[in-house]
Amino acid sequence: MREKLKVKLNIMKTNNMPHTPETSSSLQDQLLDIQDEAKKNKVELTPEIREYIRTHLEAVQQKLANREEVTEDDMQFIKDVRLWVSIPDNVRGKFPSIEVMKKSEELEEAAKRRINHEQWFDLLHIAEVSQQDKKWIDKVFKFLDDGRIETKELMLGSKLNLQRLPQKLRVKGNVSIVATSIKTLPNNLIIEGDLNISENLPEQVKIDAERLKKEGKIKGRIYTYLGL
């Protein structure tokens, strides 16, 4: 059984309450999901993040206690914390709190390119491990109206700190993630060329690659290199 967040979850039972988008159990489940994701990615919640959760959780609890409707705005804090946890390590360090993250120009940068915040943070992550900047991102990647991201090829071999690829990525050529720290591949990744991976990558990467190949999302071959 999962342990609870170190945030007091005194959520009252809500029999005969007016309809709300969340119940006490689903709220607790979402908080536990965030904790599981944090543990999985070895993310330590900062004191500022824990206080942010506590403050907004108490506000929701009070509404539930008063039999008031809980709105999507009331629950936005869950999405905010989930986004913060999902940010790659080398980018997350810039945001010690949710407030700093939400005031960051990076959210506007994502909107300009018609992609979501998580996609943009992943691109910043790729740029940083490649020792490049935002100008490089705009030079290498094309942003489409439906939130998809396209590039000609993506040769990221030997980028040891590379943790993941963005969602809705389409690569018209080859992709190399040999000798990286990637743990999984996006379900909607499309590669029109070959995919190069290394034998010592997590088994999930190989499973994902084979699944994408069967689904026709990897058009070329999958090459696995030993000892990398």
Protein backbone atom coordinates (compact mmCIF):
# COMPACT_ATOMS: atom_id res chain seq x y z
CA MET A 1 0.00 0.00 0.00
CA ARG A 2 1.26 3.45 -0.87
CA GLU A 3 2.27 5.76 1.92
CA LYS A 4 0.51 9.09 2.16
CA LEU A 5 2.15 12.37 1.39
CA LYS A 6 3.43 14.10 4.49
CA VAL A 7 0.53 16.50 4.16
CA LYS A 8 -2.47 16.08 6.43
CA LEU A 9 -5.25 14.47 4.43
CA ASN A 10 -8.20 14.99 6.78
CA ILE A 11 -10.72 14.95 3.96
CA MET A 12 -14.24 14.54 5.27
CA LYS A 13 -16.69 12.01 3.90
CA THR A 14 -19.21 13.68 1.64
CA ASN A 15 -22.51 11.81 1.84
CA ASN A 16 -25.46 13.64 0.26
CA MET A 17 -23.21 16.47 -0.94
CA PRO A 18 -23.90 18.52 -4.08
CA HIS A 19 -22.14 17.32 -7.21
CA THR A 20 -18.45 18.22 -7.30
CA PRO A 21 -15.75 17.39 -9.88
CA GLU A 22 -13.73 15.66 -7.15
CA THR A 23 -14.44 13.40 -4.20
CA SER A 24 -12.32 12.95 -1.11
CA SER A 25 -11.07 9.58 -2.34
CA SER A 26 -10.21 10.76 -5.85
CA LEU A 27 -8.41 13.79 -4.44
CA GLN A 28 -6.33 11.59 -2.18
CA ASP A 29 -5.63 9.20 -5.09
CA GLN A 30 -4.33 12.08 -7.20
CA LEU A 31 -2.03 13.24 -4.41
CA LEU A 32 -0.74 9.70 -3.98
CA ASP A 33 -0.18 9.45 -7.75
CA ILE A 34 1.96 12.58 -7.55
CA GLN A 35 3.94 11.07 -4.70
CA ASP A 36 4.45 7.85 -6.68
CA GLU A 37 5.65 9.81 -9.71
CA ALA A 38 8.01 11.83 -7.51
CA LYS A 39 9.47 8.65 -6.00
CA LYS A 40 9.77 7.02 -9.42
CA ASN A 41 11.69 10.00 -10.79
CA LYS A 42 13.61 10.52 -7.52
CA VAL A 43 12.14 13.99 -7.12
CA GLU A 44 12.24 15.55 -3.65
CA LEU A 45 9.31 17.85 -2.91
CA THR A 46 10.70 21.12 -1.60
CA PRO A 47 9.29 22.76 1.55
CA GLU A 48 7.72 25.40 -0.72
CA ILE A 49 5.97 22.72 -2.78
CA ARG A 50 4.70 20.91 0.32
CA GLU A 51 3.36 24.18 1.72
CA TYR A 52 1.66 24.92 -1.61
CA ILE A 53 -0.06 21.51 -1.48
CA ARG A 54 -1.03 21.95 2.16
CA THR A 55 -2.54 25.42 1.66
CA HIS A 56 -4.65 24.46 -1.35
CA LEU A 57 -5.64 21.12 0.10
CA GLU A 58 -6.96 22.78 3.26
CA ALA A 59 -9.01 25.18 1.12
CA VAL A 60 -10.60 22.24 -0.74
CA GLN A 61 -11.20 20.40 2.53
CA GLN A 62 -13.01 23.45 3.89
CA LYS A 63 -15.27 23.57 0.85
CA LEU A 64 -16.07 19.90 1.24
CA ALA A 65 -16.81 20.41 4.93
CA ASN A 66 -19.15 23.29 4.05
CA ARG A 67 -20.84 21.20 1.33
CA GLU A 68 -19.75 23.73 -1.28
CA GLU A 69 -18.99 22.98 -4.91
CA VAL A 70 -15.33 22.25 -5.65
CA THR A 71 -14.45 23.86 -9.00
CA GLU A 72 -11.74 23.17 -11.54
CA ASP A 73 -9.95 26.31 -10.35
CA ASP A 74 -9.89 24.86 -6.83
CA MET A 75 -8.22 21.74 -8.20
CA GLN A 76 -5.68 23.54 -10.39
CA PHE A 77 -3.05 23.02 -7.69
CA ILE A 78 -2.99 19.29 -8.52
CA LYS A 79 -2.10 20.04 -12.14
CA ASP A 80 0.49 22.60 -11.04
CA VAL A 81 2.27 20.15 -8.74
CA ARG A 82 2.07 17.34 -11.29
CA LEU A 83 3.70 19.62 -13.89
CA TRP A 84 6.45 20.62 -11.46
CA VAL A 85 7.22 16.98 -10.65
CA SER A 86 7.31 16.07 -14.35
CA ILE A 87 9.91 18.71 -15.28
CA PRO A 88 13.36 17.22 -16.05
CA ASP A 89 15.90 17.61 -13.24
CA ASN A 90 18.13 20.11 -14.99
CA VAL A 91 15.16 22.43 -15.65
CA ARG A 92 13.19 21.92 -12.42
CA GLY A 93 16.01 23.42 -10.36
CA LYS A 94 15.11 26.81 -11.79
CA PHE A 95 11.70 26.62 -10.09
CA PRO A 96 11.97 26.18 -6.30
CA SER A 97 8.25 26.91 -5.94
CA ILE A 98 5.03 26.70 -7.98
CA GLU A 99 4.74 30.49 -7.86
CA VAL A 100 8.14 30.91 -9.50
CA MET A 101 7.23 28.33 -12.14
CA LYS A 102 3.90 29.99 -12.98
CA LYS A 103 5.51 33.42 -13.28
CA SER A 104 8.25 32.06 -15.52
CA GLU A 105 8.47 33.29 -19.09
CA GLU A 106 8.81 29.64 -20.12
CA LEU A 107 5.03 29.17 -19.91
CA GLU A 108 4.60 32.00 -22.41
CA GLU A 109 7.31 30.48 -24.59
CA ALA A 110 5.31 27.24 -24.76
CA ALA A 111 2.12 29.11 -25.70
CA LYS A 112 3.93 30.96 -28.49
CA ARG A 113 4.84 27.62 -30.05
CA ARG A 114 1.37 26.12 -29.56
CA ILE A 115 2.65 23.27 -27.39
CA ASN A 116 1.98 22.41 -23.76
CA HIS A 117 4.26 23.31 -20.88
CA GLU A 118 5.61 19.79 -20.42
CA GLN A 119 6.64 19.56 -24.07
CA TRP A 120 8.47 22.87 -23.80
CA PHE A 121 10.27 21.87 -20.61
CA ASP A 122 11.37 18.64 -22.32
CA LEU A 123 12.77 20.64 -25.25
CA LEU A 124 14.64 22.91 -22.83
CA HIS A 125 16.02 19.76 -21.24
CA ILE A 126 17.25 18.45 -24.61
CA ALA A 127 18.81 21.82 -25.43
CA GLU A 128 20.62 22.01 -22.10
CA VAL A 129 22.12 18.52 -22.29
CA SER A 130 23.15 19.39 -25.85
CA GLN A 131 24.75 22.64 -24.59
CA GLN A 132 22.41 24.69 -26.75
CA ASP A 133 19.87 27.48 -26.19
CA LYS A 134 16.32 28.43 -27.23
CA LYS A 135 17.50 29.67 -30.62
CA TRP A 136 18.77 26.14 -31.30
CA ILE A 137 15.35 24.72 -30.39
CA ASP A 138 13.61 26.96 -32.93
CA LYS A 139 16.22 26.11 -35.54
CA VAL A 140 15.99 22.34 -35.06
CA PHE A 141 12.28 21.85 -34.28
CA LYS A 142 9.14 22.86 -36.16
CA PHE A 143 5.93 23.50 -34.21
CA LEU A 144 2.61 22.60 -35.84
CA ASP A 145 -0.86 23.94 -35.07
CA ASP A 146 -2.09 20.72 -33.45
CA GLY A 147 0.65 20.64 -30.83
CA ARG A 148 2.92 18.27 -32.74
CA ILE A 149 6.67 18.82 -32.93
CA GLU A 150 8.71 17.89 -35.99
CA THR A 151 12.42 17.66 -36.69
CA LYS A 152 14.59 16.22 -39.47
CA GLU A 153 16.67 13.94 -37.23
CA LEU A 154 17.61 13.65 -33.58
CA MET A 155 21.08 12.36 -32.85
CA LEU A 156 21.35 12.47 -29.07
CA GLY A 157 23.83 9.66 -28.50
CA SER A 158 26.21 10.02 -25.53
CA LYS A 159 24.00 12.64 -23.85
CA LEU A 160 24.25 10.83 -20.52
CA ASN A 161 21.92 13.25 -18.70
CA LEU A 162 19.15 13.01 -21.29
CA GLN A 163 16.07 11.72 -19.44
CA ARG A 164 13.25 11.73 -21.99
CA LEU A 165 11.80 12.92 -25.29
CA PRO A 166 8.80 15.24 -25.63
CA GLN A 167 5.29 14.06 -26.42
CA LYS A 168 3.91 14.34 -29.97
CA LEU A 169 7.38 14.27 -31.54
CA ARG A 170 7.76 13.28 -35.20
CA VAL A 171 11.27 12.72 -36.55
CA LYS A 172 11.57 12.50 -40.32
CA GLY A 173 14.99 10.85 -40.16
CA ASN A 174 16.95 8.77 -37.66
CA VAL A 175 16.96 8.96 -33.87
CA SER A 176 19.89 7.99 -31.65
CA ILE A 177 19.51 7.71 -27.88
CA VAL A 178 22.56 5.51 -27.39
CA ALA A 179 24.26 6.04 -24.00
CA THR A 180 21.52 8.22 -22.49
CA SER A 181 19.40 8.00 -19.32
CA ILE A 182 16.05 7.67 -21.10
CA LYS A 183 13.73 5.24 -19.28
CA THR A 184 10.74 5.13 -21.62
CA LEU A 185 9.55 6.35 -25.04
CA PRO A 186 6.44 8.48 -25.66
CA ASN A 187 3.41 6.54 -26.90
CA ASN A 188 2.92 9.03 -29.73
CA LEU A 189 6.55 9.16 -30.90
CA ILE A 190 6.88 8.76 -34.69
CA ILE A 191 10.24 7.98 -36.31
CA GLU A 192 10.36 7.76 -40.10
CA GLY A 193 13.97 6.56 -40.07
CA ASP A 194 15.91 4.20 -37.81
CA LEU A 195 16.06 4.13 -34.01
CA ASN A 196 19.45 3.53 -32.38
CA ILE A 197 19.44 2.42 -28.74
CA SER A 198 21.95 0.76 -26.43
CA GLU A 199 21.70 -2.62 -24.73
CA ASN A 200 22.02 -1.19 -21.23
CA LEU A 201 18.99 1.11 -21.50
CA PRO A 202 16.03 0.04 -19.29
CA GLU A 203 13.99 -2.89 -20.58
CA GLN A 204 10.97 -0.58 -20.87
CA VAL A 205 12.71 1.39 -23.64
CA LYS A 206 13.13 -1.80 -25.68
CA ILE A 207 9.51 -2.80 -25.03
CA ASP A 208 8.32 0.66 -26.08
CA ALA A 209 10.46 0.54 -29.22
CA GLU A 210 9.09 -2.84 -30.29
CA ARG A 211 5.52 -1.69 -29.64
CA LEU A 212 6.01 1.49 -31.67
CA LYS A 213 7.50 -0.61 -34.48
CA LYS A 214 4.47 -2.94 -34.49
CA GLU A 215 2.14 0.07 -34.53
CA GLY A 216 3.94 1.42 -37.59
CA LYS A 217 5.26 4.46 -35.75
CA ILE A 218 8.88 3.49 -36.35
CA LYS A 219 9.25 3.16 -40.11
CA GLY A 220 12.89 2.11 -40.21
CA ARG A 221 14.87 -0.44 -38.23
CA ILE A 222 15.74 -0.65 -34.54
CA TYR A 223 19.47 -1.05 -33.91
CA THR A 224 20.72 -2.08 -30.49
CA TYR A 225 24.36 -1.43 -29.60
CA LEU A 226 26.21 -3.49 -26.99
CA GLY A 227 28.32 -2.12 -24.16
CA LEU A 228 27.06 1.46 -24.34
